[in-house]
Amino acid sequence: MNAKVKGTAFALFGGACWGLSSVVGKLLFDMRGMNAEWLVTARLVFGGFIMLCFAAFQKKGEIFKIWKEKKTAFSMILFAALGMLACQLTYFLCVQYSNPATATVLQYTSPVMIMLLCLFLDRKLPRIIDIIVLIAVVVGVFLMSTHGNIHSLAISQKALILGITTAITVVFYTVWPVRLLREYGSTLVIGWGMFIGGIMLMPFSKFWAPPGRWDWVTITLVAIVVVFGTIVSFSCYLKGVMYLGPVKSSLFACMEPLVSTILTIFLLHQAFVAADIVGIALIIVSVTSLAVNDVIKEAREKEK
């Protein structure tokens, strides 16, 4: 199996695991009486601890080096709070108040926000494809949130705000830790981000008093969110980045909203009207086309 095939397989599987975790989270909320705050705390603390163990093995015990400089430590804490914690909490709260497909597709608008931020910082005018994608995403969000009726919301206002906030936190999550990632590596930075974020959330989620009905089903579902939705998904996606590079790997992030939507329909029996389907398709296709365009641009620059 060559590098491209391996990278594609890892990136696709990582995206699929992310999509699966949102559906499993919704099952825990609806069937087992759990809340998003506790689940996110468990996901971040256990997932972060295991990733730090991996990092300790890779870095030969130098996992605390990132805390030796005040500037780096401050940057790490901001990433943990406003990136990792804020992103995970708003996302799973959106899942709790709506459904996995809606939360995931709203989160998937983040690449367009990143594009606009880069254009603003670089003082560049948007390309035609940028304008088309932006319009398609706005129309897609409108259709999903209103079913095409401008006078009413099809989802709760709280869910819509949480979904858009998730996308904003993904922008911070993506842009802020660039220097940290280059200097210390993704496993260490993500591991600390998760672990510290989970510790921050503990007092508010009352982690010591797990909510809901607990049995072997609950334990299994929580384990799926922590293991497959966190450790396996991040590890596979990072493997994909290693083989394909970040631009091409981002193409396969579309697996997350696709898997989430399919599982929401078949496992949660969530009914979508035509406007929802059109809105979801508009967002997924337009954002993916933006990534495809970046891949083509990167290939052309290499040829030169």
Protein backbone atom coordinates (compact mmCIF):
# COMPACT_ATOMS: atom_id res chain seq x y z
CA MET A 1 0.00 0.00 0.00
CA ASN A 2 1.59 3.28 -1.11
CA ALA A 3 1.71 6.48 0.93
CA LYS A 4 -1.24 8.15 -0.83
CA VAL A 5 -3.53 5.17 -0.27
CA LYS A 6 -2.44 4.88 3.37
CA GLY A 7 -2.92 8.59 3.95
CA THR A 8 -6.36 8.56 2.32
CA ALA A 9 -7.47 5.55 4.38
CA PHE A 10 -6.26 7.10 7.66
CA ALA A 11 -7.84 10.50 6.95
CA LEU A 12 -11.17 8.99 5.89
CA PHE A 13 -11.33 6.71 8.92
CA GLY A 14 -10.42 9.58 11.25
CA GLY A 15 -13.23 11.72 9.84
CA ALA A 16 -15.67 8.81 10.09
CA CYS A 17 -14.79 8.29 13.77
CA TRP A 18 -15.49 11.96 14.49
CA GLY A 19 -18.88 11.61 12.82
CA LEU A 20 -19.61 8.44 14.82
CA SER A 21 -18.78 10.07 18.16
CA SER A 22 -21.42 12.78 17.73
CA VAL A 23 -24.15 10.18 17.12
CA VAL A 24 -23.03 8.11 20.11
CA GLY A 25 -23.06 11.30 22.19
CA LYS A 26 -26.66 11.97 21.16
CA LEU A 27 -27.60 8.41 22.19
CA LEU A 28 -26.08 9.05 25.62
CA PHE A 29 -28.01 12.32 25.99
CA ASP A 30 -31.38 10.93 24.88
CA MET A 31 -31.28 7.32 26.15
CA ARG A 32 -29.03 7.47 29.19
CA GLY A 33 -29.74 10.94 30.61
CA MET A 34 -26.15 12.18 30.31
CA ASN A 35 -25.29 15.82 29.64
CA ALA A 36 -22.77 17.39 27.29
CA GLU A 37 -20.70 18.96 30.08
CA TRP A 38 -19.88 15.63 31.74
CA LEU A 39 -19.24 13.79 28.45
CA VAL A 40 -16.90 16.50 27.19
CA THR A 41 -14.99 16.45 30.50
CA ALA A 42 -14.55 12.67 30.26
CA ARG A 43 -13.55 12.88 26.62
CA LEU A 44 -10.96 15.59 27.20
CA VAL A 45 -9.46 14.25 30.45
CA PHE A 46 -9.15 10.59 29.44
CA GLY A 47 -8.37 11.29 25.79
CA GLY A 48 -5.79 13.93 26.73
CA PHE A 49 -4.14 11.69 29.32
CA ILE A 50 -3.75 8.82 26.85
CA MET A 51 -2.38 11.12 24.14
CA LEU A 52 0.13 12.54 26.65
CA CYS A 53 1.23 8.97 27.38
CA PHE A 54 1.86 8.51 23.66
CA ALA A 55 3.72 11.83 23.56
CA ALA A 56 5.85 10.82 26.57
CA PHE A 57 6.87 7.68 24.71
CA GLN A 58 7.65 9.62 21.52
CA LYS A 59 9.43 12.51 23.25
CA LYS A 60 11.25 10.29 25.75
CA GLY A 61 9.70 11.92 28.79
CA GLU A 62 10.07 15.57 27.70
CA ILE A 63 6.35 16.32 27.82
CA PHE A 64 6.71 19.14 30.39
CA LYS A 65 9.11 21.18 28.27
CA ILE A 66 6.17 23.13 26.85
CA TRP A 67 5.53 24.69 30.31
CA LYS A 68 9.06 26.02 30.92
CA GLU A 69 8.55 29.36 29.11
CA LYS A 70 5.82 31.75 30.34
CA LYS A 71 4.84 32.84 26.82
CA THR A 72 4.49 29.26 25.60
CA ALA A 73 2.60 28.20 28.73
CA PHE A 74 0.19 31.12 28.34
CA SER A 75 -0.37 30.24 24.68
CA MET A 76 -1.03 26.61 25.66
CA ILE A 77 -3.59 27.59 28.31
CA LEU A 78 -5.42 29.85 25.83
CA PHE A 79 -5.51 26.99 23.31
CA ALA A 80 -6.85 24.61 25.96
CA ALA A 81 -9.58 27.03 27.08
CA LEU A 82 -10.68 28.88 23.94
CA GLY A 83 -9.73 26.21 21.43
CA MET A 84 -10.05 22.65 22.66
CA LEU A 85 -12.53 23.12 25.54
CA ALA A 86 -14.72 25.75 23.85
CA CYS A 87 -14.84 23.80 20.59
CA GLN A 88 -15.78 20.46 22.17
CA LEU A 89 -18.28 21.92 24.64
CA THR A 90 -20.21 24.09 22.17
CA TYR A 91 -20.24 21.23 19.64
CA PHE A 92 -21.67 18.61 22.00
CA LEU A 93 -24.13 21.14 23.46
CA CYS A 94 -25.34 21.77 19.90
CA VAL A 95 -25.69 17.99 19.44
CA GLN A 96 -27.65 17.82 22.69
CA TYR A 97 -30.05 20.64 21.72
CA SER A 98 -30.46 19.61 18.06
CA ASN A 99 -28.96 16.55 16.34
CA PRO A 100 -25.49 15.34 15.26
CA ALA A 101 -25.96 16.18 11.58
CA THR A 102 -26.97 19.78 12.25
CA ALA A 103 -24.14 20.35 14.75
CA THR A 104 -21.51 18.78 12.49
CA VAL A 105 -22.56 20.59 9.31
CA LEU A 106 -22.70 23.96 11.12
CA GLN A 107 -19.20 23.25 12.47
CA TYR A 108 -18.11 22.43 8.92
CA THR A 109 -18.59 26.09 7.92
CA SER A 110 -15.34 26.91 9.75
CA PRO A 111 -13.06 26.61 6.66
CA VAL A 112 -15.00 29.47 5.07
CA MET A 113 -14.44 31.58 8.21
CA ILE A 114 -10.72 30.71 8.08
CA MET A 115 -10.66 31.72 4.40
CA LEU A 116 -12.24 35.11 5.21
CA LEU A 117 -9.83 35.67 8.11
CA CYS A 118 -6.82 34.91 5.89
CA LEU A 119 -8.10 37.25 3.18
CA PHE A 120 -8.54 40.00 5.77
CA LEU A 121 -5.10 39.50 7.33
CA ASP A 122 -3.38 39.28 3.90
CA ARG A 123 -5.43 42.25 2.63
CA LYS A 124 -6.49 40.32 -0.45
CA LEU A 125 -9.73 40.45 -2.38
CA PRO A 126 -11.71 37.20 -2.51
CA ARG A 127 -11.54 35.05 -5.63
CA ILE A 128 -14.69 34.15 -7.55
CA ILE A 129 -14.67 30.66 -6.00
CA ASP A 130 -14.39 32.22 -2.52
CA ILE A 131 -17.49 34.36 -3.15
CA ILE A 132 -19.45 31.41 -4.58
CA VAL A 133 -18.54 29.19 -1.62
CA LEU A 134 -19.44 31.93 0.88
CA ILE A 135 -22.86 32.45 -0.73
CA ALA A 136 -23.48 28.68 -0.87
CA VAL A 137 -22.61 28.27 2.82
CA VAL A 138 -24.84 31.18 3.89
CA VAL A 139 -27.74 29.77 1.85
CA GLY A 140 -27.07 26.29 3.24
CA VAL A 141 -27.14 27.51 6.86
CA PHE A 142 -30.32 29.48 6.11
CA LEU A 143 -32.07 26.42 4.65
CA MET A 144 -30.99 24.17 7.52
CA SER A 145 -32.04 26.60 10.23
CA THR A 146 -35.35 27.78 8.71
CA HIS A 147 -36.46 25.07 6.23
CA GLY A 148 -36.64 27.94 3.75
CA ASN A 149 -39.15 29.94 5.80
CA ILE A 150 -37.64 33.33 6.65
CA HIS A 151 -40.22 33.94 9.39
CA SER A 152 -39.35 30.99 11.67
CA LEU A 153 -36.46 28.85 12.89
CA ALA A 154 -36.57 25.09 12.27
CA ILE A 155 -34.01 24.49 15.01
CA SER A 156 -33.79 26.21 18.37
CA GLN A 157 -32.04 29.57 18.52
CA LYS A 158 -29.74 28.10 21.18
CA ALA A 159 -28.67 25.25 18.85
CA LEU A 160 -28.03 27.66 15.95
CA ILE A 161 -25.90 29.99 18.11
CA LEU A 162 -23.98 27.03 19.55
CA GLY A 163 -23.33 25.59 16.07
CA ILE A 164 -22.01 28.89 14.70
CA THR A 165 -19.95 29.40 17.88
CA THR A 166 -18.42 25.96 17.38
CA ALA A 167 -17.30 26.99 13.89
CA ILE A 168 -15.74 30.18 15.33
CA THR A 169 -13.88 28.19 17.99
CA VAL A 170 -12.60 25.83 15.27
CA VAL A 171 -11.05 28.89 13.60
CA PHE A 172 -9.21 29.73 16.83
CA TYR A 173 -8.37 26.05 17.36
CA THR A 174 -6.81 25.94 13.85
CA VAL A 175 -5.02 29.29 13.71
CA TRP A 176 -3.77 29.90 17.26
CA PRO A 177 -1.53 26.87 17.98
CA VAL A 178 0.48 26.91 14.72
CA ARG A 179 3.75 27.86 16.44
CA LEU A 180 3.16 25.36 19.25
CA LEU A 181 2.48 22.57 16.76
CA ARG A 182 5.65 23.32 14.79
CA GLU A 183 7.82 23.42 17.90
CA TYR A 184 6.36 20.61 20.02
CA GLY A 185 4.36 18.39 17.66
CA SER A 186 0.65 17.72 17.35
CA THR A 187 0.36 14.81 19.79
CA LEU A 188 1.85 16.77 22.68
CA VAL A 189 -0.06 20.01 21.99
CA ILE A 190 -3.41 18.28 21.46
CA GLY A 191 -2.81 16.02 24.46
CA TRP A 192 -2.13 18.95 26.80
CA GLY A 193 -4.96 20.97 25.23
CA MET A 194 -7.44 18.18 25.93
CA PHE A 195 -6.19 17.38 29.41
CA ILE A 196 -6.02 20.99 30.65
CA GLY A 197 -9.36 21.79 29.02
CA GLY A 198 -10.96 18.83 30.77
CA ILE A 199 -9.49 19.86 34.14
CA MET A 200 -10.90 23.39 33.63
CA LEU A 201 -14.37 21.97 32.99
CA MET A 202 -14.39 19.54 35.94
CA PRO A 203 -15.81 21.91 38.59
CA PHE A 204 -18.68 22.97 36.30
CA SER A 205 -19.57 19.47 35.06
CA LYS A 206 -19.34 17.91 38.56
CA PHE A 207 -17.24 15.15 37.10
CA TRP A 208 -17.17 13.32 40.44
CA ALA A 209 -20.95 12.79 40.20
CA PRO A 210 -21.71 11.18 36.79
CA PRO A 211 -25.27 11.97 35.63
CA GLY A 212 -27.72 9.59 33.98
CA ARG A 213 -28.36 5.86 34.09
CA TRP A 214 -25.18 3.79 34.20
CA ASP A 215 -24.84 0.19 33.02
CA TRP A 216 -22.61 -1.70 30.59
CA VAL A 217 -24.30 0.03 27.63
CA THR A 218 -23.50 3.49 29.03
CA ILE A 219 -19.90 2.50 29.76
CA THR A 220 -19.51 1.11 26.21
CA LEU A 221 -20.93 4.25 24.60
CA VAL A 222 -18.69 6.54 26.67
CA ALA A 223 -15.69 4.37 25.76
CA ILE A 224 -16.56 4.71 22.05
CA VAL A 225 -16.62 8.52 22.36
CA VAL A 226 -13.30 8.59 24.22
CA VAL A 227 -11.43 5.89 22.26
CA PHE A 228 -12.81 6.15 18.70
CA GLY A 229 -14.14 9.70 18.78
CA THR A 230 -11.01 11.14 20.35
CA ILE A 231 -7.86 8.99 20.37
CA VAL A 232 -8.38 6.95 17.19
CA SER A 233 -9.87 9.84 15.21
CA PHE A 234 -7.08 12.31 16.04
CA SER A 235 -4.36 9.69 15.59
CA CYS A 236 -5.70 8.55 12.20
CA TYR A 237 -6.20 12.08 10.96
CA LEU A 238 -2.67 13.07 11.98
CA LYS A 239 -1.37 9.95 10.21
CA GLY A 240 -3.23 11.12 7.13
CA VAL A 241 -1.56 14.52 7.42
CA MET A 242 1.82 12.79 7.66
CA TYR A 243 1.26 10.90 4.41
CA LEU A 244 -0.75 13.45 2.41
CA GLY A 245 0.00 16.83 3.96
CA PRO A 246 -2.53 19.11 5.71
CA VAL A 247 -4.22 20.49 2.57
CA LYS A 248 -5.07 17.14 0.99
CA SER A 249 -5.99 15.63 4.35
CA SER A 250 -8.50 18.40 4.96
CA LEU A 251 -10.39 17.14 1.90
CA PHE A 252 -11.36 14.02 3.77
CA ALA A 253 -12.72 15.94 6.73
CA CYS A 254 -15.97 15.93 4.73
CA MET A 255 -16.41 12.35 5.96
CA GLU A 256 -17.40 13.74 9.36
CA PRO A 257 -20.61 15.55 8.28
CA LEU A 258 -21.43 12.79 5.77
CA VAL A 259 -21.13 9.98 8.34
CA SER A 260 -22.87 12.07 10.98
CA THR A 261 -25.81 12.81 8.65
CA ILE A 262 -26.18 9.20 7.47
CA LEU A 263 -26.03 7.79 11.02
CA THR A 264 -28.43 10.47 12.28
CA ILE A 265 -30.98 9.33 9.69
CA PHE A 266 -30.57 5.57 10.14
CA LEU A 267 -29.67 5.20 13.85
CA LEU A 268 -31.50 8.15 15.40
CA HIS A 269 -34.38 8.09 12.87
CA GLN A 270 -34.13 11.85 12.44
CA ALA A 271 -36.31 13.03 9.57
CA PHE A 272 -34.98 15.78 7.30
CA VAL A 273 -37.12 17.82 4.92
CA ALA A 274 -35.97 18.70 1.41
CA ALA A 275 -34.65 22.11 2.53
CA ASP A 276 -32.42 20.42 5.13
CA ILE A 277 -30.94 18.02 2.58
CA VAL A 278 -30.29 20.83 0.11
CA GLY A 279 -28.70 22.97 2.85
CA ILE A 280 -26.47 20.12 4.07
CA ALA A 281 -25.43 19.30 0.48
CA LEU A 282 -24.66 22.96 -0.29
CA ILE A 283 -22.37 23.31 2.73
CA ILE A 284 -20.54 20.00 2.28
CA VAL A 285 -20.06 20.35 -1.50
CA SER A 286 -19.03 24.02 -1.41
CA VAL A 287 -16.55 23.68 1.46
CA THR A 288 -15.09 20.50 -0.08
CA SER A 289 -14.73 22.27 -3.44
CA LEU A 290 -12.75 24.99 -1.66
CA ALA A 291 -10.37 22.30 -0.35
CA VAL A 292 -10.15 20.70 -3.81
CA ASN A 293 -9.22 24.06 -5.28
CA ASP A 294 -6.43 24.43 -2.69
CA VAL A 295 -5.11 20.96 -3.58
CA ILE A 296 -5.03 21.86 -7.29
CA LYS A 297 -3.34 25.17 -6.51
CA GLU A 298 -0.72 23.40 -4.36
CA ALA A 299 -0.04 20.87 -7.14
CA ARG A 300 0.44 23.62 -9.72
CA GLU A 301 2.85 25.51 -7.47
CA LYS A 302 4.93 22.34 -7.03
CA GLU A 303 5.07 21.86 -10.82
CA LYS A 304 6.49 25.36 -11.19
